[in-house]
Amino acid sequence: MLISSIVTLLLNWIQINTEYSTKNFDVEIFQVSIEEIQEKACNGNCPIIAFFKPDEGIYIVKMEFKENYCNQSILLHEIIHTLQNKKMENSFRESEAYLIQNKFLYDMSLKNNLEILNVKKCRSQQKL
């Protein structure tokens, strides 16, 4: 399955490029419709396409991951949340996850000779 191969690649990148250990990563990933994710996250219409819910897993909108580094970075962002210290303040967790997400996008851009990607650029290109 494609999602499991992408998760393996992302976990390897995290292991190499951050201080997080991914060896014990065991979180279920649910690919759901935009309506399902918005209902689950905020009981209705809201601008969310992925989130991590402790004791359940990662919820992410069904999207193309193969060779789409922007979409891969969204999943990476949520994986980072699963690895973060639960006592860390939410604002620091988000800040760190975006920092790592941008580093991933930068690395993938350089590695693949692409225009330099970042979260802001990815959001402007997002089609759901």
Protein backbone atom coordinates (compact mmCIF):
# COMPACT_ATOMS: atom_id res chain seq x y z
CA MET A 1 0.00 0.00 0.00
CA LEU A 2 1.32 3.44 -0.95
CA ILE A 3 0.62 5.13 2.40
CA SER A 4 2.74 2.59 4.29
CA SER A 5 5.69 3.08 1.92
CA ILE A 6 5.39 6.88 2.29
CA VAL A 7 5.21 6.53 6.08
CA THR A 8 8.38 4.43 6.04
CA LEU A 9 10.18 7.09 3.98
CA LEU A 10 8.97 9.86 6.30
CA LEU A 11 9.97 7.97 9.43
CA ASN A 12 13.44 7.39 7.99
CA TRP A 13 13.78 11.09 7.17
CA ILE A 14 12.66 12.06 10.70
CA GLN A 15 15.09 9.59 12.28
CA ILE A 16 18.01 11.04 10.30
CA ASN A 17 17.10 14.74 10.42
CA THR A 18 15.66 15.29 13.90
CA GLU A 19 16.36 14.23 17.45
CA TYR A 20 13.22 12.08 17.48
CA SER A 21 13.41 8.31 17.54
CA THR A 22 10.88 6.70 15.23
CA LYS A 23 11.73 3.10 16.10
CA ASN A 24 8.58 2.60 18.19
CA PHE A 25 6.19 4.51 15.92
CA ASP A 26 2.92 2.61 15.98
CA VAL A 27 0.10 5.02 15.18
CA GLU A 28 -2.82 4.22 12.94
CA ILE A 29 -3.36 6.53 9.97
CA PHE A 30 -6.89 7.06 8.71
CA GLN A 31 -7.43 8.49 5.23
CA VAL A 32 -10.88 10.06 5.21
CA SER A 33 -12.99 12.48 3.20
CA ILE A 34 -12.74 16.24 3.78
CA GLU A 35 -16.25 16.17 5.28
CA GLU A 36 -15.34 13.37 7.70
CA ILE A 37 -12.18 15.07 8.91
CA GLN A 38 -13.87 18.43 9.42
CA GLU A 39 -16.73 16.83 11.30
CA LYS A 40 -14.34 14.85 13.52
CA ALA A 41 -12.00 17.81 14.14
CA CYS A 42 -14.43 20.68 14.62
CA ASN A 43 -18.01 19.41 14.25
CA GLY A 44 -18.43 20.99 10.84
CA ASN A 45 -16.86 23.16 8.18
CA CYS A 46 -13.32 24.30 9.05
CA PRO A 47 -10.01 24.67 7.21
CA ILE A 48 -8.38 21.45 8.39
CA ILE A 49 -7.06 18.55 6.34
CA ALA A 50 -5.14 16.54 8.94
CA PHE A 51 -4.80 16.19 12.70
CA PHE A 52 -3.48 13.83 15.34
CA LYS A 53 -5.86 12.58 18.00
CA PRO A 54 -4.06 10.82 20.86
CA ASP A 55 -5.39 7.32 21.58
CA GLU A 56 -6.87 7.16 18.06
CA GLY A 57 -4.31 8.12 15.45
CA ILE A 58 -3.67 10.47 12.57
CA TYR A 59 -6.57 11.57 10.42
CA ILE A 60 -5.70 12.92 6.99
CA VAL A 61 -7.78 13.74 3.94
CA LYS A 62 -7.48 11.28 1.07
CA MET A 63 -4.86 12.82 -1.20
CA GLU A 64 -2.09 11.93 -3.63
CA PHE A 65 1.18 11.23 -1.82
CA LYS A 66 3.35 9.75 -4.56
CA GLU A 67 5.87 12.40 -5.61
CA ASN A 68 3.80 15.13 -3.94
CA TYR A 69 6.12 16.53 -1.30
CA CYS A 70 3.59 19.09 -0.12
CA ASN A 71 1.11 16.34 0.77
CA GLN A 72 3.87 14.17 2.24
CA SER A 73 4.89 17.10 4.44
CA ILE A 74 1.38 17.32 5.90
CA LEU A 75 1.61 13.70 6.99
CA LEU A 76 5.13 14.30 8.31
CA HIS A 77 3.80 17.23 10.37
CA GLU A 78 1.22 14.97 12.01
CA ILE A 79 3.77 12.20 12.60
CA ILE A 80 5.92 14.77 14.44
CA HIS A 81 2.97 15.47 16.74
CA THR A 82 2.84 11.77 17.65
CA LEU A 83 6.50 11.88 18.68
CA GLN A 84 6.45 15.13 20.68
CA ASN A 85 6.54 15.34 24.45
CA LYS A 86 2.97 15.47 25.72
CA LYS A 87 3.98 18.11 28.29
CA MET A 88 5.20 20.54 25.61
CA GLU A 89 2.91 23.55 25.21
CA ASN A 90 0.68 23.40 22.13
CA SER A 91 2.16 26.54 20.60
CA PHE A 92 5.66 25.06 20.83
CA ARG A 93 4.46 21.75 19.39
CA GLU A 94 2.94 23.50 16.38
CA SER A 95 5.95 25.74 15.90
CA GLU A 96 8.34 22.78 15.98
CA ALA A 97 6.17 20.68 13.64
CA TYR A 98 6.08 23.53 11.09
CA LEU A 99 9.82 24.04 11.41
CA ILE A 100 10.50 20.37 10.71
CA GLN A 101 7.91 20.34 7.91
CA ASN A 102 9.65 23.27 6.22
CA LYS A 103 13.03 21.55 6.60
CA PHE A 104 11.61 18.44 4.92
CA LEU A 105 10.21 20.52 2.05
CA TYR A 106 13.52 22.33 1.62
CA ASP A 107 15.46 19.05 1.61
CA MET A 108 13.12 17.42 -0.91
CA SER A 109 13.30 20.51 -3.14
CA LEU A 110 17.09 20.42 -3.21
CA LYS A 111 17.30 16.65 -3.60
CA ASN A 112 14.90 16.69 -6.57
CA ASN A 113 16.01 19.95 -8.23
CA LEU A 114 12.66 21.60 -7.63
CA GLU A 115 11.70 25.17 -6.95
CA ILE A 116 12.21 25.58 -3.19
CA LEU A 117 9.04 24.51 -1.40
CA ASN A 118 7.76 25.62 1.99
CA VAL A 119 4.48 25.33 3.88
CA LYS A 120 3.20 28.68 2.61
CA LYS A 121 3.91 27.79 -1.02
CA CYS A 122 2.33 24.36 -0.56
CA ARG A 123 -0.85 25.84 0.88
CA SER A 124 -1.17 28.19 -2.07
CA GLN A 125 -0.98 25.19 -4.44
CA GLN A 126 -3.32 22.95 -2.47
CA LYS A 127 -6.28 21.48 -4.32
CA LEU A 128 -8.88 19.55 -2.38
